[in-house]
N, C-alpha and C. Protein backbone atom coordinates (compact mmCIF):
# COMPACT_ATOMS: atom_id res chain seq x y z
N MET A 1 66.22 9.28 -52.95
CA MET A 1 66.65 7.95 -52.71
C MET A 1 67.96 7.61 -53.63
N ASN A 2 69.44 7.57 -52.85
CA ASN A 2 70.47 7.32 -53.38
C ASN A 2 70.58 5.39 -53.54
N LEU A 3 71.02 5.29 -54.99
CA LEU A 3 71.01 3.88 -55.56
C LEU A 3 72.45 3.28 -54.52
N PRO A 4 72.40 2.18 -53.80
CA PRO A 4 73.72 1.65 -53.49
C PRO A 4 74.80 1.71 -54.67
N THR A 5 76.16 1.50 -53.98
CA THR A 5 77.65 1.00 -55.25
C THR A 5 77.57 -0.10 -54.18
N LYS A 6 78.20 -0.89 -55.46
CA LYS A 6 78.99 -1.95 -55.16
C LYS A 6 80.75 -1.45 -54.43
N GLN A 7 80.50 -2.09 -53.40
CA GLN A 7 81.65 -1.43 -52.42
C GLN A 7 82.54 -3.06 -52.45
N ALA A 8 84.32 -2.77 -52.26
CA ALA A 8 84.71 -4.10 -52.43
C ALA A 8 84.56 -5.04 -51.71
N ASP A 9 84.08 -4.92 -50.09
CA ASP A 9 83.72 -5.64 -49.23
C ASP A 9 82.05 -6.07 -49.42
N GLY A 10 81.31 -6.44 -50.76
CA GLY A 10 80.08 -7.20 -51.27
C GLY A 10 79.18 -6.25 -50.71
N SER A 11 79.44 -5.05 -49.69
CA SER A 11 77.85 -4.54 -48.83
C SER A 11 77.49 -3.64 -50.36
N GLY A 12 76.20 -3.06 -50.04
CA GLY A 12 75.76 -2.24 -51.26
C GLY A 12 74.81 -3.16 -52.48
N ARG A 13 74.30 -4.24 -51.77
CA ARG A 13 73.42 -4.73 -52.62
C ARG A 13 72.16 -4.13 -52.64
N PHE A 14 71.29 -4.04 -53.65
CA PHE A 14 70.29 -3.94 -53.98
C PHE A 14 69.08 -4.24 -53.66
N TYR A 15 69.05 -5.58 -52.79
CA TYR A 15 67.67 -5.76 -52.04
C TYR A 15 68.27 -5.11 -50.63
N GLU A 16 68.92 -5.13 -49.71
CA GLU A 16 69.24 -4.22 -48.70
C GLU A 16 68.99 -2.81 -48.64
N TYR A 17 69.16 -2.53 -50.39
CA TYR A 17 68.52 -0.93 -50.33
C TYR A 17 67.06 -0.84 -50.32
N VAL A 18 66.50 -1.99 -50.88
CA VAL A 18 65.10 -2.34 -50.91
C VAL A 18 64.56 -2.30 -49.32
N ILE A 19 65.05 -3.39 -48.36
CA ILE A 19 64.70 -3.34 -46.94
C ILE A 19 64.80 -2.46 -46.37
N ASP A 20 65.58 -1.73 -46.58
CA ASP A 20 66.10 -0.17 -45.84
C ASP A 20 65.01 0.66 -46.35
N ASN A 21 64.46 0.51 -47.53
CA ASN A 21 63.36 1.92 -47.77
C ASN A 21 62.24 1.47 -47.44
N ILE A 22 62.01 0.14 -47.59
CA ILE A 22 60.40 -0.56 -47.01
C ILE A 22 60.77 -0.34 -45.24
N ARG A 23 61.51 -0.59 -44.84
CA ARG A 23 61.54 -0.39 -42.97
C ARG A 23 61.37 0.93 -42.68
N GLN A 24 62.07 2.01 -43.37
CA GLN A 24 61.94 3.18 -43.63
C GLN A 24 60.43 3.69 -43.37
N MET A 25 59.83 3.02 -44.98
CA MET A 25 58.03 3.48 -44.71
C MET A 25 57.25 3.20 -43.66
N ILE A 26 57.93 1.78 -43.06
CA ILE A 26 56.76 1.51 -41.92
C ILE A 26 57.25 2.33 -40.66
N ALA A 27 58.26 2.54 -40.51
CA ALA A 27 58.77 3.50 -39.60
C ALA A 27 58.71 5.09 -39.35
N ASP A 28 58.26 5.64 -41.08
CA ASP A 28 57.35 6.59 -41.08
C ASP A 28 56.07 6.34 -40.79
N GLY A 29 55.33 5.54 -41.11
CA GLY A 29 53.86 5.41 -40.94
C GLY A 29 53.41 5.42 -42.57
N GLU A 30 54.15 5.01 -43.35
CA GLU A 30 53.96 5.61 -44.90
C GLU A 30 53.10 3.86 -44.89
N LEU A 31 53.40 3.28 -44.50
CA LEU A 31 53.09 1.79 -44.27
C LEU A 31 52.44 1.46 -43.30
N GLN A 32 51.65 0.27 -43.01
CA GLN A 32 51.30 0.78 -41.63
C GLN A 32 50.78 -0.53 -41.33
N ALA A 33 50.31 -1.58 -40.33
CA ALA A 33 49.94 -2.95 -40.14
C ALA A 33 48.51 -3.22 -40.38
N GLY A 34 48.75 -4.02 -41.75
CA GLY A 34 47.44 -4.68 -42.61
C GLY A 34 47.46 -4.07 -43.70
N GLN A 35 48.31 -2.56 -44.06
CA GLN A 35 48.39 -2.41 -45.34
C GLN A 35 48.63 -3.28 -46.32
N LYS A 36 48.36 -3.72 -47.36
CA LYS A 36 49.05 -3.79 -48.77
C LYS A 36 50.12 -3.06 -49.42
N LEU A 37 51.19 -3.99 -49.37
CA LEU A 37 52.02 -3.28 -50.27
C LEU A 37 52.13 -2.72 -51.54
N PRO A 38 52.55 -1.70 -52.48
CA PRO A 38 52.63 -1.57 -53.63
C PRO A 38 52.77 -3.15 -54.83
N SER A 39 52.63 -3.64 -55.93
CA SER A 39 53.19 -4.67 -56.75
C SER A 39 54.11 -4.68 -56.53
N GLU A 40 55.38 -5.58 -56.99
CA GLU A 40 56.54 -5.68 -57.51
C GLU A 40 57.14 -4.57 -58.02
N ARG A 41 55.99 -4.75 -59.17
CA ARG A 41 56.61 -3.67 -60.52
C ARG A 41 56.38 -2.24 -59.81
N GLU A 42 55.28 -1.88 -59.10
CA GLU A 42 55.43 -0.90 -58.94
C GLU A 42 56.33 0.04 -57.72
N LEU A 43 56.61 -1.13 -57.07
CA LEU A 43 58.15 -1.18 -56.19
C LEU A 43 59.41 -0.65 -56.58
N ALA A 44 59.62 -2.05 -57.82
CA ALA A 44 60.51 -1.31 -58.54
C ALA A 44 60.79 -0.21 -59.13
N GLU A 45 60.03 0.17 -59.81
CA GLU A 45 59.74 1.24 -60.48
C GLU A 45 60.06 2.49 -59.17
N LYS A 46 59.07 2.49 -57.93
CA LYS A 46 59.46 3.81 -57.09
C LYS A 46 61.02 3.56 -56.59
N PHE A 47 61.81 2.27 -56.38
CA PHE A 47 63.21 2.16 -55.74
C PHE A 47 64.25 2.08 -57.00
N ASN A 48 63.64 2.31 -58.37
CA ASN A 48 64.34 2.49 -59.76
C ASN A 48 65.12 1.14 -59.37
N VAL A 49 65.32 -0.18 -59.36
CA VAL A 49 65.68 -1.48 -59.09
C VAL A 49 65.16 -2.21 -59.98
N SER A 50 65.23 -3.29 -60.30
CA SER A 50 64.66 -4.68 -61.11
C SER A 50 63.93 -5.30 -60.06
N ARG A 51 62.93 -6.04 -60.40
CA ARG A 51 61.96 -6.82 -59.69
C ARG A 51 62.81 -7.83 -58.86
N VAL A 52 64.04 -8.21 -59.14
CA VAL A 52 64.64 -9.49 -58.39
C VAL A 52 65.15 -9.11 -57.20
N PRO A 53 65.46 -7.79 -56.88
CA PRO A 53 66.14 -7.43 -55.60
C PRO A 53 64.82 -7.20 -54.65
N ILE A 54 63.52 -6.69 -55.23
CA ILE A 54 62.61 -6.42 -54.58
C ILE A 54 61.91 -7.71 -54.11
N ARG A 55 62.04 -8.83 -55.07
CA ARG A 55 61.44 -10.28 -54.50
C ARG A 55 62.61 -10.79 -53.44
N GLU A 56 63.50 -10.14 -53.90
CA GLU A 56 64.78 -11.10 -52.52
C GLU A 56 64.21 -9.86 -51.32
N ALA A 57 64.49 -9.10 -51.06
CA ALA A 57 63.99 -8.07 -49.96
C ALA A 57 62.43 -8.55 -49.29
N LEU A 58 61.66 -8.86 -50.23
CA LEU A 58 60.15 -9.41 -49.83
C LEU A 58 60.38 -10.44 -49.31
N LYS A 59 61.48 -11.59 -49.62
CA LYS A 59 61.13 -12.47 -49.05
C LYS A 59 62.39 -12.46 -47.69
N ILE A 60 62.81 -11.76 -47.36
CA ILE A 60 63.73 -11.49 -46.39
C ILE A 60 62.62 -10.99 -44.97
N LEU A 61 62.05 -9.91 -45.56
CA LEU A 61 61.33 -9.25 -44.93
C LEU A 61 60.16 -10.24 -44.38
N GLU A 62 59.79 -11.11 -44.96
CA GLU A 62 58.14 -12.19 -44.67
C GLU A 62 59.14 -13.15 -43.86
N TYR A 63 60.43 -13.62 -44.30
CA TYR A 63 61.03 -14.32 -43.28
C TYR A 63 61.10 -13.65 -41.57
N MET A 64 61.34 -12.64 -41.37
CA MET A 64 61.80 -11.65 -40.16
C MET A 64 60.80 -11.59 -39.65
N GLY A 65 58.95 -11.56 -40.64
CA GLY A 65 58.01 -11.92 -39.64
C GLY A 65 57.44 -9.90 -40.13
N VAL A 66 58.06 -9.39 -40.59
CA VAL A 66 57.73 -7.75 -41.07
C VAL A 66 56.68 -8.02 -41.96
N LEU A 67 56.43 -8.94 -43.30
CA LEU A 67 55.89 -8.64 -44.41
C LEU A 67 55.00 -10.37 -44.37
N ASP A 68 53.60 -10.14 -44.68
CA ASP A 68 53.02 -11.27 -45.07
C ASP A 68 52.56 -11.53 -45.98
N SER A 69 53.28 -12.98 -46.89
CA SER A 69 52.38 -12.68 -48.53
C SER A 69 51.44 -13.72 -48.65
N SER A 70 50.39 -13.56 -49.43
CA SER A 70 49.33 -14.51 -49.76
C SER A 70 49.62 -14.22 -51.21
N PRO A 71 49.57 -15.67 -51.71
CA PRO A 71 49.94 -15.79 -53.19
C PRO A 71 48.66 -15.11 -54.05
N GLY A 72 48.80 -14.48 -55.08
CA GLY A 72 46.88 -14.22 -55.74
C GLY A 72 46.56 -12.88 -54.85
N ASP A 73 46.99 -12.61 -53.78
CA ASP A 73 46.37 -11.61 -53.06
C ASP A 73 47.08 -10.24 -52.65
N GLY A 74 48.40 -10.72 -52.81
CA GLY A 74 49.54 -9.59 -52.48
C GLY A 74 49.98 -9.49 -51.08
N THR A 75 51.23 -8.58 -50.64
CA THR A 75 52.10 -8.54 -49.48
C THR A 75 51.64 -7.33 -48.43
N TYR A 76 51.66 -8.04 -47.45
CA TYR A 76 50.90 -7.01 -46.21
C TYR A 76 51.96 -6.71 -45.35
N VAL A 77 52.00 -5.78 -44.80
CA VAL A 77 52.72 -5.09 -43.53
C VAL A 77 52.03 -5.98 -42.06
N LYS A 78 52.55 -6.80 -41.52
CA LYS A 78 52.23 -7.61 -40.30
C LYS A 78 52.47 -6.53 -39.02
N ASN A 79 51.89 -6.52 -38.18
CA ASN A 79 51.47 -6.32 -36.80
C ASN A 79 52.77 -7.04 -36.27
N THR A 80 54.03 -6.45 -36.25
CA THR A 80 55.31 -7.09 -35.45
C THR A 80 55.35 -6.95 -34.14
N SER A 81 56.00 -7.33 -33.41
CA SER A 81 56.40 -6.90 -31.94
C SER A 81 58.32 -7.39 -32.22
N ALA A 82 58.53 -6.79 -31.00
CA ALA A 82 60.03 -7.21 -30.95
C ALA A 82 60.75 -8.74 -30.54
N GLN A 83 59.80 -9.18 -30.11
CA GLN A 83 60.02 -10.74 -29.82
C GLN A 83 60.06 -11.25 -30.82
N SER A 84 59.08 -11.20 -31.74
CA SER A 84 58.70 -11.77 -33.07
C SER A 84 60.20 -11.71 -34.29
N LEU A 85 60.85 -10.75 -33.81
CA LEU A 85 61.72 -10.22 -34.97
C LEU A 85 63.07 -11.07 -34.12
N VAL A 86 63.23 -10.58 -32.73
CA VAL A 86 64.46 -11.42 -32.27
C VAL A 86 64.79 -12.76 -32.65
N SER A 87 63.42 -13.56 -32.44
CA SER A 87 63.17 -14.94 -32.52
C SER A 87 63.49 -15.44 -33.72
N LYS A 88 63.75 -14.56 -34.92
CA LYS A 88 64.19 -15.15 -36.20
C LYS A 88 65.36 -14.66 -36.19
N MET A 89 66.10 -14.36 -35.44
CA MET A 89 67.56 -13.36 -35.93
C MET A 89 68.62 -14.94 -35.19
N ASN A 90 69.56 -14.89 -35.81
CA ASN A 90 70.60 -16.21 -35.40
C ASN A 90 71.69 -15.49 -34.81
N PHE A 91 71.93 -16.13 -33.46
CA PHE A 91 72.61 -15.39 -32.56
C PHE A 91 74.25 -16.24 -32.48
N SER A 92 74.46 -17.35 -33.62
CA SER A 92 75.29 -17.97 -33.50
C SER A 92 76.63 -17.18 -33.57
N PHE A 93 77.13 -16.51 -32.99
CA PHE A 93 78.82 -15.89 -33.27
C PHE A 93 79.47 -16.08 -31.84
N ASP A 94 80.38 -15.69 -32.02
CA ASP A 94 81.86 -15.99 -30.84
C ASP A 94 81.56 -14.42 -30.43
N ALA A 95 81.43 -15.46 -29.15
CA ALA A 95 81.48 -13.55 -28.08
C ALA A 95 83.33 -13.19 -27.43
N THR A 96 83.32 -12.27 -28.36
CA THR A 96 84.40 -11.75 -27.96
C THR A 96 84.21 -10.15 -27.11
N ALA A 97 85.49 -9.72 -27.13
CA ALA A 97 85.34 -8.48 -26.22
C ALA A 97 84.43 -7.23 -27.61
N ASP A 98 84.84 -7.81 -28.60
CA ASP A 98 84.52 -6.53 -29.67
C ASP A 98 83.04 -6.74 -29.81
N THR A 99 82.44 -8.18 -30.10
CA THR A 99 81.16 -8.13 -30.18
C THR A 99 80.11 -8.05 -29.03
N ILE A 100 81.01 -8.45 -27.82
CA ILE A 100 80.20 -8.14 -26.64
C ILE A 100 80.41 -5.94 -26.62
N ARG A 101 80.84 -5.84 -26.75
CA ARG A 101 81.08 -4.21 -26.71
C ARG A 101 80.06 -3.38 -28.15
N ASP A 102 80.13 -3.99 -29.16
CA ASP A 102 79.17 -3.81 -30.12
C ASP A 102 77.99 -4.02 -29.57
N LEU A 103 77.31 -5.35 -29.06
CA LEU A 103 75.98 -5.47 -28.90
C LEU A 103 75.55 -4.48 -27.47
N LEU A 104 76.46 -3.93 -26.58
CA LEU A 104 76.32 -3.15 -25.84
C LEU A 104 76.27 -1.52 -26.57
N GLU A 105 76.80 -1.60 -27.28
CA GLU A 105 76.99 0.09 -28.30
C GLU A 105 75.08 0.09 -28.87
N LEU A 106 75.05 -0.94 -29.45
CA LEU A 106 73.86 -1.13 -30.28
C LEU A 106 72.53 -1.41 -29.20
N ARG A 107 72.61 -1.92 -27.62
CA ARG A 107 71.68 -1.46 -26.90
C ARG A 107 71.44 -0.30 -26.17
N ILE A 108 72.43 0.77 -26.28
CA ILE A 108 72.50 1.72 -25.58
C ILE A 108 71.50 2.80 -26.98
N VAL A 109 72.27 2.50 -28.25
CA VAL A 109 71.11 3.23 -29.40
C VAL A 109 69.51 2.81 -29.42
N LEU A 110 69.44 1.35 -29.42
CA LEU A 110 67.91 0.78 -29.23
C LEU A 110 67.22 1.82 -27.80
N GLU A 111 67.94 1.78 -26.69
CA GLU A 111 67.28 2.11 -25.72
C GLU A 111 67.13 3.63 -25.66
N THR A 112 68.24 4.31 -26.10
CA THR A 112 67.86 5.89 -26.22
C THR A 112 66.23 5.97 -27.36
N PHE A 113 66.92 5.43 -28.77
CA PHE A 113 65.73 5.56 -29.37
C PHE A 113 64.19 5.41 -28.79
N ALA A 114 64.04 4.11 -27.89
CA ALA A 114 62.77 3.59 -27.11
C ALA A 114 62.75 4.89 -26.31
N ALA A 115 63.27 5.21 -25.37
CA ALA A 115 62.89 6.32 -24.48
C ALA A 115 62.60 7.75 -25.16
N TYR A 116 63.40 8.13 -26.28
CA TYR A 116 62.84 9.36 -26.98
C TYR A 116 61.64 8.89 -27.70
N HIS A 117 61.30 7.91 -28.00
CA HIS A 117 59.87 7.78 -28.51
C HIS A 117 58.77 7.45 -27.81
N ALA A 118 59.05 7.23 -26.51
CA ALA A 118 58.42 6.89 -25.35
C ALA A 118 57.93 8.33 -24.52
N ALA A 119 58.83 8.93 -24.74
CA ALA A 119 58.76 10.56 -23.90
C ALA A 119 57.88 11.34 -25.18
N GLN A 120 57.72 11.11 -26.34
CA GLN A 120 57.19 11.71 -27.40
C GLN A 120 55.61 11.15 -27.05
N ARG A 121 55.49 10.32 -27.02
CA ARG A 121 54.09 9.76 -26.52
C ARG A 121 53.68 9.55 -25.28
N ARG A 122 54.56 9.89 -24.32
CA ARG A 122 53.78 9.86 -23.21
C ARG A 122 52.26 10.49 -22.72
N THR A 123 51.74 10.34 -22.10
CA THR A 123 50.55 11.01 -21.59
C THR A 123 50.38 11.53 -20.11
N ASP A 124 49.37 12.45 -19.41
CA ASP A 124 49.52 12.85 -18.30
C ASP A 124 49.54 11.64 -17.38
N GLU A 125 48.81 10.92 -17.54
CA GLU A 125 48.62 9.43 -16.84
C GLU A 125 49.73 9.04 -16.77
N ASP A 126 50.83 8.49 -17.88
CA ASP A 126 52.01 8.24 -17.79
C ASP A 126 52.68 8.74 -16.49
N ILE A 127 52.73 10.41 -16.57
CA ILE A 127 53.74 10.88 -16.24
C ILE A 127 53.48 10.82 -14.11
N ALA A 128 51.91 11.04 -14.41
CA ALA A 128 51.41 10.94 -12.72
C ALA A 128 52.06 9.13 -12.09
N SER A 129 51.64 8.58 -13.16
CA SER A 129 52.15 6.94 -12.68
C SER A 129 53.78 7.14 -12.48
N ILE A 130 54.48 7.48 -13.15
CA ILE A 130 55.63 7.35 -13.03
C ILE A 130 56.03 7.96 -12.06
N GLN A 131 55.31 9.17 -11.63
CA GLN A 131 55.96 9.55 -9.99
C GLN A 131 55.06 9.28 -9.02
N LYS A 132 54.25 8.22 -9.26
CA LYS A 132 53.56 7.64 -8.05
C LYS A 132 54.92 6.94 -7.61
N LEU A 133 55.39 6.01 -8.81
CA LEU A 133 56.15 4.73 -8.59
C LEU A 133 57.42 5.12 -8.04
N LEU A 134 58.19 6.69 -8.25
CA LEU A 134 58.85 7.27 -7.59
C LEU A 134 59.13 7.50 -6.48
N ARG A 135 57.85 8.15 -5.84
CA ARG A 135 57.28 8.28 -4.65
C ARG A 135 57.47 6.51 -3.77
N ASP A 136 56.82 5.92 -4.16
CA ASP A 136 56.77 4.47 -3.55
C ASP A 136 58.24 4.12 -3.30
N MET A 137 59.36 3.86 -4.29
CA MET A 137 60.29 3.51 -4.32
C MET A 137 61.18 4.21 -3.40
N ARG A 138 60.96 5.33 -3.42
CA ARG A 138 61.77 6.37 -2.22
C ARG A 138 61.12 6.26 -0.73
N GLU A 139 60.18 5.57 -0.77
CA GLU A 139 59.38 4.96 0.48
C GLU A 139 59.68 3.59 0.92
N ILE A 140 59.68 3.17 0.19
CA ILE A 140 60.78 1.40 0.49
C ILE A 140 62.20 1.26 0.86
N SER A 141 62.27 2.47 -0.30
CA SER A 141 64.21 3.08 0.29
C SER A 141 64.14 3.24 1.61
N ARG A 142 63.20 3.90 2.17
CA ARG A 142 63.27 4.56 3.69
C ARG A 142 62.93 3.46 4.89
N LEU A 143 61.88 2.78 4.41
CA LEU A 143 61.60 1.92 5.02
C LEU A 143 62.81 1.10 5.33
N ARG A 144 63.46 0.68 4.46
CA ARG A 144 64.83 -0.36 4.08
C ARG A 144 65.72 0.27 5.48
N MET A 145 66.12 1.47 5.60
CA MET A 145 67.15 2.05 5.97
C MET A 145 66.31 2.05 7.66
N VAL A 146 65.07 2.63 8.11
CA VAL A 146 64.73 2.12 9.62
C VAL A 146 64.70 0.58 9.38
N ALA A 147 64.24 -0.38 9.07
CA ALA A 147 64.42 -1.73 9.05
C ALA A 147 65.11 -1.91 9.40
N SER A 148 66.98 -1.37 9.01
CA SER A 148 68.52 -1.95 9.03
C SER A 148 68.84 -1.09 10.47
N SER A 149 68.39 0.14 10.92
CA SER A 149 68.41 0.11 12.33
C SER A 149 67.76 -0.25 13.40
N LEU A 150 66.72 -1.15 12.97
CA LEU A 150 65.93 -1.44 13.91
C LEU A 150 66.18 -2.48 14.69
N SER A 151 67.72 -2.81 14.75
CA SER A 151 68.18 -4.65 14.59
C SER A 151 67.86 -4.79 16.16
N ASN A 152 66.80 -5.71 16.44
CA ASN A 152 66.71 -6.38 17.54
C ASN A 152 66.78 -7.63 17.79
N SER A 153 66.66 -8.60 19.23
CA SER A 153 67.25 -9.70 19.19
C SER A 153 66.61 -10.80 18.51
N SER A 154 65.43 -10.52 18.08
CA SER A 154 64.88 -11.37 17.56
C SER A 154 65.55 -11.43 15.82
N GLY A 155 66.22 -10.17 15.38
CA GLY A 155 66.46 -9.76 14.18
C GLY A 155 65.17 -10.10 12.85
N SER A 156 63.92 -9.67 13.57
CA SER A 156 62.77 -9.71 12.50
C SER A 156 61.92 -8.68 12.72
N ALA A 157 61.87 -7.97 11.34
CA ALA A 157 60.53 -7.08 11.47
C ALA A 157 59.65 -7.15 10.47
N THR A 158 58.54 -6.51 10.32
CA THR A 158 57.85 -6.62 8.87
C THR A 158 57.14 -5.20 8.54
N LEU A 159 57.56 -4.92 7.39
CA LEU A 159 57.28 -3.58 7.31
C LEU A 159 56.37 -3.66 6.04
N ALA A 160 55.02 -2.65 5.91
CA ALA A 160 54.26 -2.85 4.44
C ALA A 160 54.11 -1.07 3.83
N ASN A 161 54.25 -1.05 3.00
CA ASN A 161 53.99 -0.03 2.57
C ASN A 161 52.81 0.03 1.20
N SER A 162 52.07 0.75 1.63
CA SER A 162 50.42 0.99 1.08
C SER A 162 50.02 -0.12 0.41
N SER A 163 50.01 -1.56 0.93
CA SER A 163 49.59 -2.39 0.68
C SER A 163 49.79 -3.26 -0.35
N MET A 164 50.94 -2.39 -1.20
CA MET A 164 51.37 -3.33 -2.72
C MET A 164 52.63 -3.69 -2.34
N THR A 165 53.59 -3.54 -1.32
CA THR A 165 54.73 -4.10 -1.28
C THR A 165 55.52 -4.56 0.38
N LYS A 166 55.56 -5.64 0.50
CA LYS A 166 56.18 -6.03 2.13
C LYS A 166 57.11 -6.46 1.91
N CYS A 167 57.75 -5.91 3.24
CA CYS A 167 59.23 -6.18 3.15
C CYS A 167 59.53 -7.16 4.40
N THR A 168 59.69 -8.28 4.68
CA THR A 168 60.30 -8.83 5.81
C THR A 168 61.96 -8.75 5.50
N TRP A 169 62.24 -8.26 7.17
CA TRP A 169 63.36 -7.84 7.68
C TRP A 169 64.02 -9.09 8.86
N THR A 170 65.22 -9.74 7.85
CA THR A 170 65.61 -10.86 8.74
C THR A 170 67.21 -10.62 9.07
N GLY A 171 67.89 -9.37 9.50
CA GLY A 171 68.55 -8.69 9.81
C GLY A 171 69.92 -8.33 9.04
N SER A 172 69.23 -8.55 7.21
CA SER A 172 69.65 -7.78 6.32
C SER A 172 68.80 -7.16 5.06
N LEU A 173 69.48 -6.23 4.82
CA LEU A 173 68.18 -5.60 3.35
C LEU A 173 67.24 -6.49 3.03
N PRO A 174 66.17 -7.19 3.19
CA PRO A 174 64.98 -7.83 2.04
C PRO A 174 64.92 -7.26 0.52
N PRO A 175 64.71 -8.63 -0.04
CA PRO A 175 64.12 -8.17 -1.04
C PRO A 175 62.58 -7.51 -1.00
N CYS A 176 61.83 -7.05 -1.59
CA CYS A 176 60.44 -6.67 -1.53
C CYS A 176 59.96 -7.26 -2.32
N THR A 177 58.44 -8.03 -1.88
CA THR A 177 57.43 -8.71 -3.24
C THR A 177 56.64 -8.05 -3.48
N THR A 178 55.97 -8.09 -4.30
CA THR A 178 54.57 -7.36 -4.53
C THR A 178 53.53 -8.23 -4.11
N SER A 179 52.70 -7.71 -3.40
CA SER A 179 51.28 -8.53 -3.26
C SER A 179 50.23 -7.78 -3.62
N ALA A 180 49.34 -8.75 -4.11
CA ALA A 180 48.45 -8.06 -4.43
C ALA A 180 46.59 -7.84 -3.70
């Protein structure tokens, strides 16, 4: 673990280094939901920093909903969702072309990461389900093309696909709704 060096722009703070390391420990499964973190002293020794950046990092991670601190009991990893993390973020920024581009790039990175991990964790049932959905989508597309060629004087036709999707055609391509 390389300690950060202070940069001219103020980056390279020790608490950021601690946050990054704790985040990595959670991502690697070294720390799991419900697990108690080592004491501040042990973390300070592990990351070769004083207890001050440890405390700062723990407070930030607690605010973000990643950790839960109980005085006298310790700090625990919370079972967090993306929704709870996003709700803690402050999105008060000016929407410029640069920030929009940056957000789109971030989205691509996150979606790529999520797709990679979803592919790693997929099951045979997941593959079968995706294949069925793909077949259903192709069938709906085929039915829509048939519906568009069935133009009649009343301009209305109803098509159903395997009792899951019902399309009502009224002269233009219909939105399909899922029926239970």
